[in-house]
Amino acid sequence: MNILGLGGAVGHDPATALFMNGELIAAAEEERFIRDKHAKGKPGHEATRFCLKQGGLNPGDIDIVAYPYAPISLSRPDRWHYAKRYWYAPDRALTALFNGNRRFKRNKRQALAMLDDLGFDMTRTKFQPVEHHMAHASSAYHLSGFKGKTAILGIDGKGEYATTFFGYAENGKIHKIKEFYDPDSLGGVYGALTEFLGFEMLDGEFKVMGMAPYGDPKKYDFSRLIEYGDGDFKVNTKLVNVIGTRRYKENGKGYYFSPALIDWLGPKRQGDEIDDPYIDYAASMQQLLEDVALHLVDYYLKDILQETGKLAFAGGVALNVKLNQRLMALPYVDELFVQPAASDSGTAIGAASYAAHLAGETIQPQKHAYLGPAFTSDECIEACKNHPEKPTWEVLDDPSLTGAQILAAGNPLSWFQGRMEFGPRALGNRSILGDPSYPGVADRINEQIKYRERWRPFCPSMLDTVAEDLLQSKHPAPYMTFTFDMAEHWKSRVPEVVHEDGTARAQIVTEETNPRYYALIKELERMRGHGVCLNTSLNRRGEPMVCSPTDALNMLYGSDLQFLIMEDILVKKTTAPKF
C-alpha cells in the first residue's frame, strides 16, 4: 500500500512523506525546494512531487493521503476548554463553540486544491484526517522500533486545540491518557518568551535554549507564568499565550505576550548580544519548562515507564535537547526515542504512519533521516557549469580523505553528500564541518559563514567507537536530539563543540548509516587524534538548509567559505588556502 502524508497543516513547515508497504521511503520539507524558511502559508507542491518521484509513483498509485489535522467534536472537552479560557475574547470563544472546525475545513480545502493541481483524483484516493497530536505520537512511537508497551509524550504549541499529549501504545495501537488544551501550552509559553527575548516564534526557540546556560535560573522566579501541581497546569493568560487586545504590539506587530509582561520584566530584548537580565530570563524559562514537563511525565507516565522503560517523544518541544537530557536521567527511563523531525514537518510522517497502522500495515522502524533528494556527481558538475561564478572543480579519488585534509589544516568545509536530511538537524549530508580541536573555528563559522549570533553552540558528530567514552553514556544518539555531559578529559581535546554548561548535543555516526561521513571522521581521527567533527547545517542565517548543488554553490559564494565538496568533486575559491 502507498500512503502519502502531508505536513504543515497548522500554517507553517509544509512537508510530505511517503510510506510504501509500511516503510518510510521519502520525506522532505517544502522550504528546501522553494528557499523560503518555514514556508509559512505555502502548500507542499515540490515536496510532494519529490516523494512521488523518489517512489517511482504517479498520483494514481497513492492509496491514502493522510493529513495531520482533524475535526474535533463539540461533545469533547477541547473546544469548551478553549472557549472558557478565552472568555476575555468573546468572538474567539463563541467561534470555538459554534464554528470550531473552521480551520480544519479551510485547511482541507487547501490540501485538496494542491492535490488537484498535482493530478490526484481524490474520488479514487482516500483522504484520511488524523488528529494533530495523534500524528506526533505516531511519528515517535511507530517509527521508534520499540517492542512491547511504550509510553508516549507529545508537547508543542498546539494542533487543533490540544497542546500536550500523554499516552501509551501496545501492539501498534496508541491510547490517550490525558491531553491539555489551548491556551494551556508549554510550547506556547516558551514561544512567547522566545518573542520577548527578541527571536521569532517557531524558529528562535533553539536560540533561547542555547542562551539559557549563560544565565542563572535562580535570579528570577518565573512561577507566575504557569501554575502547576497534582497533574495539572494552567498558563497565566494575563501575561503569555494571549490573543486579541491583550497582545503587546510593536511597530504594528502583535506578540504572544501582553504589555503586563513588559511591565514585569522590562523592554523586549533587541540585537544579537547576550546580556543581563535576558540570559537569566532564558535560564528561568528553560528551568520552568523542564520542571513542569517532568512533573507531568511523573504524574501520567511513571507507572508505564516503570513497567517498560521506553519513552517516545514528539512535538516541537521534543527538540529541546536539555529537556530530553533530563528525561533520559529519570530513573525509570531506559531509552528515549525522539522523532528527529519532531516539529510540525514531522506530522507528515506521523499522519502517514498512523493511517498505515489503521490500514493494517506493519510499520518498519526509522533507520535514518536521510530521506530527501540526492544528486549525482554529473549533476553537481552541471550546476558548476551553469553557475554565474563559473567555478572550477576537480574530481576526487577519495572525497572523505580530501575533506579530512581540509579540516585538519584548520579550514571549515562545506560538505554536500547523498540524500538531504529530513528535520532541522544537519547530520552529515548538508553540513558545514570543522575540526573542533582548532581554537576559534566555531567563531569563524558563526561570524563569517553563517552570520549568526556568536554565542550559538555547535554540535559534535563522533564515531561510534569514541561516543561512550566522550558522552559517558551508552544511549543511542543518531539524530542530535539529546545533550550529554561531556567527559572532562575530552573538553580540552575538542573545545569548539563544548557548550557553556559543559554539555554537547551529539550525533553518533555509524559506518552503516553514513559510510562516507564516517570515513571522513575516521581520517580526521588518524590525522588529529580524535574521532570528532564539528557539524552545523549548510545554510546562512534566515535561510533553509541547502537542498541542491546550485544551493550549495550559492552558499559558497555568498559567504567566506572556501571549500565545497559535492559528491566526488571539490570546488574551491581562487582565494582558498593550500591544505
Protein backbone atom coordinates (compact mmCIF):
# COMPACT_ATOMS: atom_id res chain seq x y z
CA MET A 1 0.00 0.00 0.00
CA ASN A 2 1.27 3.51 -0.87
CA ILE A 3 0.45 6.21 1.67
CA LEU A 4 1.33 9.89 1.38
CA GLY A 5 1.44 12.12 4.46
CA LEU A 6 1.11 15.90 4.26
CA GLY A 7 2.57 18.13 6.98
CA GLY A 8 2.16 21.84 7.51
CA ALA A 9 -1.49 21.69 8.48
CA VAL A 10 -1.09 24.49 11.03
CA GLY A 11 0.14 27.04 8.51
CA HIS A 12 3.89 26.51 8.59
CA ASP A 13 6.53 23.91 7.75
CA PRO A 14 4.68 22.07 4.96
CA ALA A 15 6.26 18.72 4.23
CA THR A 16 5.44 15.43 2.56
CA ALA A 17 6.32 11.84 3.44
CA LEU A 18 5.82 8.59 1.57
CA PHE A 19 5.32 5.10 3.00
CA MET A 20 5.36 2.09 0.71
CA ASN A 21 4.25 -1.20 2.26
CA GLY A 22 4.91 0.16 5.75
CA GLU A 23 8.41 1.51 5.02
CA LEU A 24 9.31 5.20 5.10
CA ILE A 25 10.74 5.82 1.63
CA ALA A 26 10.97 9.60 1.36
CA ALA A 27 10.27 12.79 3.28
CA ALA A 28 11.14 16.43 2.66
CA GLU A 29 10.21 19.94 3.73
CA GLU A 30 8.83 22.36 1.15
CA GLU A 31 11.10 25.16 2.40
CA ARG A 32 14.18 23.41 1.00
CA PHE A 33 12.84 23.46 -2.57
CA ILE A 34 11.33 26.95 -2.65
CA ARG A 35 14.08 28.56 -0.47
CA ASP A 36 11.61 30.14 1.96
CA LYS A 37 12.34 29.20 5.56
CA HIS A 38 9.33 27.52 7.20
CA ALA A 39 7.32 28.25 4.00
CA LYS A 40 4.56 29.83 6.07
CA GLY A 41 1.17 29.64 4.44
CA LYS A 42 2.52 27.72 1.46
CA PRO A 43 1.31 24.35 0.13
CA GLY A 44 3.70 21.44 -0.37
CA HIS A 45 3.79 21.05 -4.15
CA GLU A 46 7.53 20.48 -4.56
CA ALA A 47 7.93 18.19 -1.56
CA THR A 48 5.03 16.08 -2.84
CA ARG A 49 6.47 15.92 -6.35
CA PHE A 50 9.79 14.78 -4.89
CA CYS A 51 8.21 11.98 -2.83
CA LEU A 52 6.29 10.66 -5.82
CA LYS A 53 9.45 10.74 -7.94
CA GLN A 54 11.52 9.03 -5.24
CA GLY A 55 8.95 6.25 -5.00
CA GLY A 56 8.61 5.94 -8.77
CA LEU A 57 4.88 6.64 -8.42
CA ASN A 58 2.18 8.64 -10.11
CA PRO A 59 -0.68 10.31 -8.20
CA GLY A 60 -2.97 7.44 -9.18
CA ASP A 61 -0.67 4.98 -7.39
CA ILE A 62 -1.37 6.53 -3.97
CA ASP A 63 -3.95 4.65 -1.92
CA ILE A 64 -4.30 7.08 1.01
CA VAL A 65 -3.39 10.72 1.59
CA ALA A 66 -3.10 11.31 5.34
CA TYR A 67 -3.48 14.79 6.79
CA PRO A 68 -2.41 15.76 10.35
CA TYR A 69 -5.46 17.82 11.24
CA ALA A 70 -8.94 16.57 12.03
CA PRO A 71 -12.39 17.80 13.06
CA ILE A 72 -13.00 17.98 16.81
CA SER A 73 -16.47 17.13 18.10
CA LEU A 74 -18.32 19.56 20.37
CA SER A 75 -19.00 16.64 22.70
CA ARG A 76 -15.29 16.57 23.61
CA PRO A 77 -13.65 18.95 26.11
CA ASP A 78 -11.27 20.61 23.61
CA ARG A 79 -13.45 23.41 22.29
CA TRP A 80 -15.21 24.02 25.61
CA HIS A 81 -11.88 24.47 27.39
CA TYR A 82 -10.73 26.93 24.71
CA ALA A 83 -13.95 28.93 24.99
CA LYS A 84 -13.81 29.07 28.79
CA ARG A 85 -10.16 30.15 28.95
CA TYR A 86 -10.54 32.80 26.24
CA TRP A 87 -13.58 34.38 27.85
CA TYR A 88 -11.94 37.81 27.51
CA ALA A 89 -12.15 37.49 23.69
CA PRO A 90 -15.83 36.52 23.24
CA ASP A 91 -15.62 36.43 19.44
CA ARG A 92 -12.95 33.69 19.62
CA ALA A 93 -14.75 31.83 22.39
CA LEU A 94 -18.08 31.75 20.57
CA THR A 95 -16.43 30.76 17.30
CA ALA A 96 -14.82 27.78 19.01
CA LEU A 97 -18.23 26.60 20.15
CA PHE A 98 -20.32 27.32 17.06
CA ASN A 99 -17.79 27.02 14.23
CA GLY A 100 -14.96 25.21 15.92
CA ASN A 101 -13.84 23.19 12.91
CA ARG A 102 -13.48 26.13 10.54
CA ARG A 103 -9.68 25.74 10.37
CA PHE A 104 -10.00 22.07 9.52
CA LYS A 105 -12.43 22.83 6.71
CA ARG A 106 -10.20 25.59 5.34
CA ASN A 107 -7.04 23.50 5.62
CA LYS A 108 -8.68 20.51 3.97
CA ARG A 109 -9.80 22.68 1.05
CA GLN A 110 -6.25 23.96 0.62
CA ALA A 111 -4.78 20.46 0.76
CA LEU A 112 -7.28 19.12 -1.76
CA ALA A 113 -6.59 22.07 -4.08
CA MET A 114 -2.86 21.25 -4.01
CA LEU A 115 -3.53 17.59 -4.71
CA ASP A 116 -5.79 18.55 -7.58
CA ASP A 117 -3.01 20.75 -9.02
CA LEU A 118 -0.69 17.73 -8.93
CA GLY A 119 -3.12 15.47 -10.76
CA PHE A 120 -4.65 13.48 -7.90
CA ASP A 121 -8.16 12.15 -8.34
CA MET A 122 -9.44 12.25 -4.78
CA THR A 123 -12.60 10.38 -5.75
CA ARG A 124 -10.29 7.35 -6.09
CA THR A 125 -7.77 8.11 -3.32
CA LYS A 126 -8.83 8.12 0.32
CA PHE A 127 -8.29 11.36 2.28
CA GLN A 128 -7.55 10.41 5.91
CA PRO A 129 -7.64 13.18 8.57
CA VAL A 130 -5.52 12.39 11.64
CA GLU A 131 -5.61 14.42 14.85
CA HIS A 132 -2.51 16.58 15.05
CA HIS A 133 -1.22 15.19 18.33
CA MET A 134 -2.01 11.65 17.28
CA ALA A 135 0.18 12.28 14.23
CA HIS A 136 3.00 13.47 16.51
CA ALA A 137 2.50 10.41 18.71
CA SER A 138 2.59 8.05 15.75
CA SER A 139 5.71 9.67 14.30
CA ALA A 140 7.51 8.89 17.54
CA TYR A 141 6.05 5.54 18.51
CA HIS A 142 5.54 3.77 15.19
CA LEU A 143 8.98 4.79 13.91
CA SER A 144 10.85 4.08 17.16
CA GLY A 145 11.24 0.36 16.69
CA PHE A 146 10.28 -0.16 20.33
CA LYS A 147 8.72 -3.51 21.07
CA GLY A 148 6.10 -4.02 23.74
CA LYS A 149 4.36 -1.34 25.77
CA THR A 150 5.70 2.18 25.23
CA ALA A 151 4.95 5.48 26.93
CA ILE A 152 4.27 8.39 24.56
CA LEU A 153 4.75 12.11 25.17
CA GLY A 154 3.77 14.97 22.83
CA ILE A 155 4.37 18.66 23.60
CA ASP A 156 4.10 21.56 21.16
CA GLY A 157 2.38 24.92 20.69
CA LYS A 158 -0.94 23.45 19.62
CA GLY A 159 -2.64 21.48 16.91
CA GLU A 160 -6.43 21.76 16.58
CA TYR A 161 -6.89 22.57 20.27
CA ALA A 162 -4.62 20.12 22.09
CA THR A 163 -1.17 21.25 23.21
CA THR A 164 0.15 18.36 25.29
CA PHE A 165 -0.40 14.62 24.95
CA PHE A 166 0.26 11.72 27.33
CA GLY A 167 -0.42 8.18 26.23
CA TYR A 168 0.93 4.73 25.65
CA ALA A 169 0.99 2.19 22.87
CA GLU A 170 0.81 -1.55 22.80
CA ASN A 171 0.69 -3.90 19.81
CA GLY A 172 0.71 -0.92 17.46
CA LYS A 173 -2.35 0.80 18.96
CA ILE A 174 -1.99 4.23 20.57
CA HIS A 175 -4.07 5.06 23.66
CA LYS A 176 -4.64 8.56 25.03
CA ILE A 177 -4.25 9.05 28.76
CA LYS A 178 -4.52 12.82 29.04
CA GLU A 179 -4.48 15.92 26.83
CA PHE A 180 -4.22 19.60 27.70
CA TYR A 181 -5.74 22.31 25.53
CA ASP A 182 -5.02 25.83 24.32
CA PRO A 183 -4.15 28.24 25.94
CA ASP A 184 -2.52 25.89 28.45
CA SER A 185 0.52 25.20 26.33
CA LEU A 186 4.11 24.70 27.44
CA GLY A 187 5.28 25.24 23.88
CA GLY A 188 3.20 28.40 23.70
CA VAL A 189 4.76 29.88 26.84
CA TYR A 190 8.26 29.04 25.61
CA GLY A 191 7.35 30.63 22.26
CA ALA A 192 6.04 33.77 23.94
CA LEU A 193 9.31 34.18 25.86
CA THR A 194 11.17 33.48 22.62
CA GLU A 195 9.45 36.53 21.14
CA PHE A 196 10.15 38.60 24.25
CA LEU A 197 13.82 37.66 24.01
CA GLY A 198 13.95 39.09 20.50
CA PHE A 199 13.63 35.96 18.37
CA GLU A 200 10.94 34.68 16.06
CA MET A 201 8.45 32.18 17.42
CA LEU A 202 8.63 28.75 15.74
CA ASP A 203 12.25 29.48 14.79
CA GLY A 204 14.12 31.06 17.68
CA GLU A 205 13.31 28.57 20.45
CA PHE A 206 16.67 26.88 19.76
CA LYS A 207 18.34 30.21 20.45
CA VAL A 208 16.63 30.58 23.83
CA MET A 209 17.78 27.07 24.69
CA GLY A 210 21.32 28.00 23.62
CA MET A 211 21.24 31.22 25.61
CA ALA A 212 19.97 29.62 28.82
CA PRO A 213 23.28 28.09 30.03
CA TYR A 214 24.82 31.58 30.19
CA GLY A 215 22.25 32.68 32.78
CA ASP A 216 21.21 31.85 36.34
CA PRO A 217 17.66 30.42 36.66
CA LYS A 218 17.58 31.30 40.35
CA LYS A 219 17.75 35.05 39.76
CA TYR A 220 14.15 35.34 38.59
CA ASP A 221 11.08 33.43 39.69
CA PHE A 222 9.00 32.60 36.61
CA SER A 223 6.43 30.57 38.51
CA ARG A 224 3.79 33.23 37.91
CA LEU A 225 3.73 32.20 34.23
CA ILE A 226 2.46 28.67 34.92
CA GLU A 227 0.59 27.29 37.91
CA TYR A 228 1.14 23.54 38.17
CA GLY A 229 0.80 20.58 40.50
CA ASP A 230 -1.21 17.38 41.04
CA GLY A 231 -1.01 16.51 37.36
CA ASP A 232 -2.41 19.82 36.17
CA PHE A 233 -1.06 23.09 34.82
CA LYS A 234 -2.59 26.42 33.93
CA VAL A 235 -0.95 29.23 31.98
CA ASN A 236 -1.30 32.81 33.20
CA THR A 237 -3.06 34.38 30.21
CA LYS A 238 -2.68 37.84 31.68
CA LEU A 239 1.00 37.55 30.75
CA VAL A 240 1.50 34.99 27.96
CA ASN A 241 -0.41 32.90 25.39
CA VAL A 242 -2.63 35.91 24.82
CA ILE A 243 -4.82 36.83 21.86
CA GLY A 244 -6.66 39.91 20.59
CA THR A 245 -6.50 43.10 22.60
CA ARG A 246 -4.31 41.54 25.29
CA ARG A 247 -1.33 41.30 22.95
CA TYR A 248 1.66 43.60 23.22
CA LYS A 249 2.12 45.47 19.95
CA GLU A 250 5.26 47.00 18.49
CA ASN A 251 5.64 48.58 15.05
CA GLY A 252 2.25 47.23 14.05
CA LYS A 253 3.03 43.64 15.03
CA GLY A 254 1.21 41.79 17.79
CA TYR A 255 3.12 39.42 20.05
CA TYR A 256 2.12 36.35 22.04
CA PHE A 257 2.66 38.16 25.35
CA SER A 258 0.91 41.10 26.97
CA PRO A 259 2.07 44.60 27.98
CA ALA A 260 1.90 43.29 31.57
CA LEU A 261 4.93 41.10 30.80
CA ILE A 262 6.84 44.21 29.72
CA ASP A 263 5.79 45.94 32.95
CA TRP A 264 7.20 42.99 34.90
CA LEU A 265 10.39 42.11 33.01
CA GLY A 266 11.24 45.33 31.19
CA PRO A 267 11.59 46.05 27.46
CA LYS A 268 11.73 43.36 24.83
CA ARG A 269 15.30 42.37 24.02
CA GLN A 270 16.91 43.80 20.87
CA GLY A 271 20.04 42.86 18.92
CA ASP A 272 22.33 39.83 18.85
CA GLU A 273 24.34 40.13 22.05
CA ILE A 274 23.54 38.15 25.18
CA ASP A 275 23.36 40.33 28.24
CA ASP A 276 21.72 40.75 31.63
CA PRO A 277 18.96 40.26 32.55
CA TYR A 278 17.92 38.42 29.38
CA ILE A 279 20.29 35.48 29.80
CA ASP A 280 18.76 34.92 33.23
CA TYR A 281 15.25 35.13 31.76
CA ALA A 282 16.22 32.44 29.23
CA ALA A 283 17.61 30.27 32.02
CA SER A 284 14.46 30.71 34.11
CA MET A 285 12.20 29.86 31.17
CA GLN A 286 14.20 26.75 30.38
CA GLN A 287 14.08 25.67 34.02
CA LEU A 288 10.31 26.20 34.20
CA LEU A 289 9.73 24.17 31.03
CA GLU A 290 11.78 21.29 32.39
CA ASP A 291 10.17 21.35 35.83
CA VAL A 292 6.58 21.40 34.56
CA ALA A 293 7.21 18.77 31.87
CA LEU A 294 8.93 16.41 34.30
CA HIS A 295 6.16 16.84 36.86
CA LEU A 296 3.56 15.87 34.25
CA VAL A 297 5.60 12.92 32.98
CA ASP A 298 6.00 11.70 36.54
CA TYR A 299 2.26 12.04 37.14
CA TYR A 300 0.89 10.48 33.95
CA LEU A 301 3.59 8.16 32.65
CA LYS A 302 5.62 6.97 35.63
CA ASP A 303 3.71 3.71 36.13
CA ILE A 304 4.02 2.79 32.46
CA LEU A 305 7.68 3.77 32.36
CA GLN A 306 8.44 1.72 35.46
CA GLU A 307 6.95 -1.22 33.61
CA THR A 308 8.56 -0.70 30.21
CA GLY A 309 11.37 1.87 30.47
CA LYS A 310 10.69 3.13 26.93
CA LEU A 311 9.50 6.63 26.07
CA ALA A 312 8.68 8.02 22.59
CA PHE A 313 8.52 11.83 22.28
CA ALA A 314 7.49 14.24 19.50
CA GLY A 315 6.09 17.75 19.05
CA GLY A 316 8.13 20.93 18.71
CA VAL A 317 9.21 20.88 22.35
CA ALA A 318 10.78 17.46 21.77
CA LEU A 319 13.59 19.34 20.02
CA ASN A 320 14.52 20.90 23.36
CA VAL A 321 17.63 18.82 23.95
CA LYS A 322 18.13 20.00 27.54
CA LEU A 323 14.67 18.76 28.49
CA ASN A 324 15.48 15.49 26.75
CA GLN A 325 18.63 15.11 28.82
CA ARG A 326 16.57 15.40 31.99
CA LEU A 327 14.02 12.91 30.67
CA MET A 328 16.80 10.43 29.97
CA ALA A 329 18.07 10.92 33.52
CA LEU A 330 14.77 9.83 35.08
CA PRO A 331 15.35 6.57 36.97
CA TYR A 332 12.50 4.82 35.17
CA VAL A 333 13.52 5.82 31.60
CA ASP A 334 15.83 3.28 29.98
CA GLU A 335 15.56 4.53 26.42
CA LEU A 336 14.13 7.68 24.88
CA PHE A 337 13.32 7.95 21.18
CA VAL A 338 12.77 11.47 19.89
CA GLN A 339 11.48 11.71 16.35
CA PRO A 340 14.26 13.63 14.53
CA ALA A 341 11.60 15.65 12.68
CA ALA A 342 9.72 16.25 15.92
CA SER A 343 8.13 19.57 14.95
CA ASP A 344 5.22 20.08 12.58
CA SER A 345 7.04 18.99 9.43
CA GLY A 346 7.27 15.56 11.05
CA THR A 347 3.50 15.26 11.22
CA ALA A 348 3.73 14.25 7.56
CA ILE A 349 5.46 11.08 8.77
CA GLY A 350 3.07 10.71 11.69
CA ALA A 351 -0.15 11.11 9.72
CA ALA A 352 1.04 8.60 7.13
CA SER A 353 2.27 6.07 9.69
CA TYR A 354 -0.98 6.37 11.67
CA ALA A 355 -3.03 5.83 8.51
CA ALA A 356 -0.81 2.87 7.62
CA HIS A 357 -1.48 1.31 11.01
CA LEU A 358 -5.24 1.80 10.61
CA ALA A 359 -4.99 0.12 7.21
CA GLY A 360 -3.33 -2.92 8.75
CA GLU A 361 0.22 -2.23 7.58
CA THR A 362 3.25 -3.33 9.62
CA ILE A 363 5.36 -0.19 10.00
CA GLN A 364 9.13 -0.52 9.76
CA PRO A 365 11.32 1.38 12.26
CA GLN A 366 13.02 4.53 11.03
CA LYS A 367 16.60 3.67 10.07
CA HIS A 368 17.94 7.18 9.42
CA ALA A 369 16.87 10.71 8.50
CA TYR A 370 18.42 10.79 5.01
CA LEU A 371 15.07 10.91 3.25
CA GLY A 372 15.36 13.83 0.82
CA PRO A 373 16.77 14.19 -2.69
CA ALA A 374 20.28 13.14 -3.77
CA PHE A 375 22.33 14.33 -6.75
CA THR A 376 24.98 12.64 -8.85
CA SER A 377 28.48 14.00 -9.41
CA ASP A 378 27.50 14.72 -13.02
CA GLU A 379 24.59 16.84 -11.78
CA CYS A 380 26.97 18.69 -9.47
CA ILE A 381 29.34 19.36 -12.39
CA GLU A 382 26.44 20.59 -14.50
CA ALA A 383 25.48 23.01 -11.69
CA CYS A 384 29.06 24.34 -11.71
CA LYS A 385 28.94 24.87 -15.48
CA ASN A 386 25.69 26.84 -15.18
CA HIS A 387 26.60 28.91 -12.12
CA PRO A 388 27.28 32.64 -12.70
CA GLU A 389 30.53 32.47 -10.69
CA LYS A 390 31.90 29.94 -13.19
CA PRO A 391 33.65 27.82 -10.55
CA THR A 392 36.34 25.33 -11.43
CA TRP A 393 36.25 21.84 -9.97
CA GLU A 394 38.31 18.72 -9.70
CA VAL A 395 37.20 15.12 -9.43
CA LEU A 396 38.40 13.41 -6.25
CA ASP A 397 39.53 9.83 -5.84
CA ASP A 398 38.64 9.87 -2.13
CA PRO A 399 36.34 12.73 -1.03
CA SER A 400 36.47 11.64 2.63
CA LEU A 401 40.27 11.79 2.69
CA THR A 402 40.38 15.18 0.97
CA GLY A 403 37.70 16.51 3.29
CA ALA A 404 39.65 15.39 6.35
CA GLN A 405 42.81 17.04 4.99
CA ILE A 406 40.98 20.34 4.55
CA LEU A 407 39.64 20.12 8.10
CA ALA A 408 42.96 19.05 9.58
CA ALA A 409 44.53 22.20 8.14
CA GLY A 410 42.10 24.28 10.19
CA ASN A 411 39.61 25.14 7.44
CA PRO A 412 35.81 24.96 7.53
CA LEU A 413 34.37 22.73 4.83
CA SER A 414 31.04 22.75 3.03
CA TRP A 415 30.07 19.06 2.72
CA PHE A 416 27.26 18.04 0.33
CA GLN A 417 26.66 14.30 0.05
CA GLY A 418 23.89 11.77 -0.50
CA ARG A 419 20.25 12.34 0.39
CA MET A 420 19.22 15.50 2.20
CA GLU A 421 18.23 15.18 5.84
CA PHE A 422 14.58 15.42 6.93
CA GLY A 423 14.14 17.57 10.03
CA PRO A 424 16.01 20.60 11.36
CA ARG A 425 19.39 18.93 12.03
CA ALA A 426 22.22 18.55 9.55
CA LEU A 427 23.52 15.02 10.05
CA GLY A 428 26.48 14.93 7.71
CA ASN A 429 24.89 15.26 4.26
CA ARG A 430 24.14 19.01 4.09
CA SER A 431 26.70 20.26 6.61
CA ILE A 432 29.40 22.79 7.34
CA LEU A 433 32.22 20.94 9.08
CA GLY A 434 35.18 21.98 11.18
CA ASP A 435 37.93 20.43 13.27
CA PRO A 436 36.77 21.01 16.87
CA SER A 437 40.35 20.90 18.18
CA TYR A 438 41.22 24.15 16.38
CA PRO A 439 40.58 27.16 18.66
CA GLY A 440 38.40 29.79 17.01
CA VAL A 441 36.89 27.66 14.25
CA ALA A 442 33.41 27.94 15.82
CA ASP A 443 33.60 31.75 15.99
CA ARG A 444 34.80 31.86 12.41
CA ILE A 445 31.85 29.78 11.18
CA ASN A 446 29.36 31.81 13.21
CA GLU A 447 30.64 35.24 12.19
CA GLN A 448 31.94 34.80 8.64
CA ILE A 449 29.91 31.95 7.18
CA LYS A 450 26.54 31.52 8.90
CA TYR A 451 26.28 35.17 10.04
CA ARG A 452 24.54 34.17 13.24
CA GLU A 453 24.91 35.10 16.90
CA ARG A 454 28.48 34.46 18.07
CA TRP A 455 27.33 32.70 21.27
CA ARG A 456 25.42 29.96 19.45
CA PRO A 457 26.86 26.48 20.17
CA PHE A 458 27.98 23.86 17.66
CA CYS A 459 27.43 20.15 17.77
CA PRO A 460 29.85 17.25 17.55
CA SER A 461 29.45 14.35 15.17
CA MET A 462 31.50 11.46 16.52
CA LEU A 463 32.50 7.96 15.65
CA ASP A 464 30.57 5.24 17.45
CA THR A 465 33.93 3.96 18.69
CA VAL A 466 34.57 7.06 20.84
CA ALA A 467 30.99 8.01 21.77
CA GLU A 468 30.66 6.11 25.05
CA ASP A 469 33.93 7.48 26.40
CA LEU A 470 33.14 11.05 25.33
CA LEU A 471 29.46 11.13 26.35
CA GLN A 472 29.70 8.84 29.40
CA SER A 473 26.60 7.08 28.13
CA LYS A 474 25.60 4.07 26.04
CA HIS A 475 22.32 5.71 24.96
CA PRO A 476 21.73 5.82 21.18
CA ALA A 477 22.08 9.34 19.74
CA PRO A 478 21.97 9.29 15.92
CA TYR A 479 19.93 12.49 15.43
CA MET A 480 21.32 15.31 17.67
CA THR A 481 18.20 15.19 19.84
CA PHE A 482 19.96 14.94 23.23
CA THR A 483 22.64 16.74 25.16
CA PHE A 484 25.14 14.84 27.27
CA ASP A 485 27.61 15.91 29.93
CA MET A 486 30.92 15.67 28.11
CA ALA A 487 33.71 13.76 29.86
CA GLU A 488 36.27 16.10 31.41
CA HIS A 489 39.20 14.52 29.59
CA TRP A 490 37.57 15.33 26.24
CA LYS A 491 36.74 19.00 26.83
CA SER A 492 40.25 20.25 26.17
CA ARG A 493 40.62 17.97 23.15
CA VAL A 494 37.56 19.26 21.25
CA PRO A 495 36.77 22.63 22.90
CA GLU A 496 34.85 24.05 19.93
CA VAL A 497 31.90 21.68 20.48
CA VAL A 498 31.58 22.06 24.27
CA HIS A 499 28.75 24.36 25.31
CA GLU A 500 28.85 26.82 28.18
CA ASP A 501 27.43 24.28 30.62
CA GLY A 502 29.85 21.50 29.65
CA THR A 503 27.35 19.62 27.51
CA ALA A 504 27.36 18.52 23.90
CA ARG A 505 24.40 17.95 21.56
CA ALA A 506 25.80 14.86 19.94
CA GLN A 507 25.39 12.83 16.79
CA ILE A 508 26.84 9.34 16.92
CA VAL A 509 27.80 8.31 13.39
CA THR A 510 27.90 4.69 12.29
CA GLU A 511 29.51 3.30 9.17
CA GLU A 512 26.28 1.54 8.25
CA THR A 513 24.09 4.66 8.13
CA ASN A 514 26.58 7.13 6.60
CA PRO A 515 29.73 5.44 5.29
CA ARG A 516 31.25 8.47 3.55
CA TYR A 517 30.83 10.80 6.54
CA TYR A 518 32.10 8.05 8.85
CA ALA A 519 35.19 7.67 6.66
CA LEU A 520 35.87 11.41 6.83
CA ILE A 521 35.73 11.45 10.64
CA LYS A 522 37.86 8.31 10.74
CA GLU A 523 40.52 10.03 8.62
CA LEU A 524 40.32 13.11 10.86
CA GLU A 525 40.90 10.83 13.85
CA ARG A 526 44.00 9.42 12.17
CA MET A 527 45.36 12.89 11.41
CA ARG A 528 44.36 14.78 14.57
CA GLY A 529 43.95 12.12 17.23
CA HIS A 530 40.20 12.43 17.87
CA GLY A 531 37.17 10.95 16.14
CA VAL A 532 35.01 14.07 16.41
CA CYS A 533 33.86 16.63 13.82
CA LEU A 534 32.15 19.98 14.36
CA ASN A 535 28.91 19.85 12.37
CA THR A 536 26.36 22.56 11.62
CA SER A 537 23.73 22.93 8.94
CA LEU A 538 24.68 24.13 5.47
CA ASN A 539 22.79 27.41 5.40
CA ARG A 540 23.09 31.04 6.32
CA ARG A 541 21.06 32.82 8.94
CA GLY A 542 17.41 33.07 7.96
CA GLU A 543 17.70 30.55 5.13
CA PRO A 544 16.60 26.93 4.94
CA MET A 545 19.18 24.18 4.71
CA VAL A 546 20.74 23.69 1.28
CA CYS A 547 18.97 21.19 -0.98
CA SER A 548 20.53 21.21 -4.46
CA PRO A 549 24.06 21.65 -5.89
CA THR A 550 23.10 25.15 -7.05
CA ASP A 551 22.02 26.00 -3.50
CA ALA A 552 25.39 24.77 -2.22
CA LEU A 553 27.28 26.90 -4.75
CA ASN A 554 25.20 29.95 -3.83
CA MET A 555 26.10 29.33 -0.19
CA LEU A 556 29.81 29.02 -1.06
CA TYR A 557 29.92 32.28 -2.98
CA GLY A 558 27.60 34.10 -0.58
CA SER A 559 29.86 33.56 2.44
CA ASP A 560 33.51 33.26 3.45
CA LEU A 561 33.51 29.52 2.86
CA GLN A 562 36.48 28.50 0.73
CA PHE A 563 35.93 24.78 0.13
CA LEU A 564 32.95 22.74 -1.06
CA ILE A 565 32.94 19.00 -1.65
CA MET A 566 29.85 17.89 -3.56
CA GLU A 567 29.73 14.14 -4.07
CA ASP A 568 33.01 13.35 -5.88
CA ILE A 569 34.02 16.88 -6.82
CA LEU A 570 35.91 19.63 -4.99
CA VAL A 571 35.09 23.27 -5.64
CA LYS A 572 37.37 25.86 -4.10
CA LYS A 573 37.60 29.59 -4.43
CA THR A 574 40.63 31.21 -6.01
CA THR A 575 41.37 32.66 -2.56
CA ALA A 576 41.36 29.24 -0.87
CA PRO A 577 44.49 28.39 1.15
CA LYS A 578 46.55 25.30 0.49
CA PHE A 579 45.85 22.27 2.64
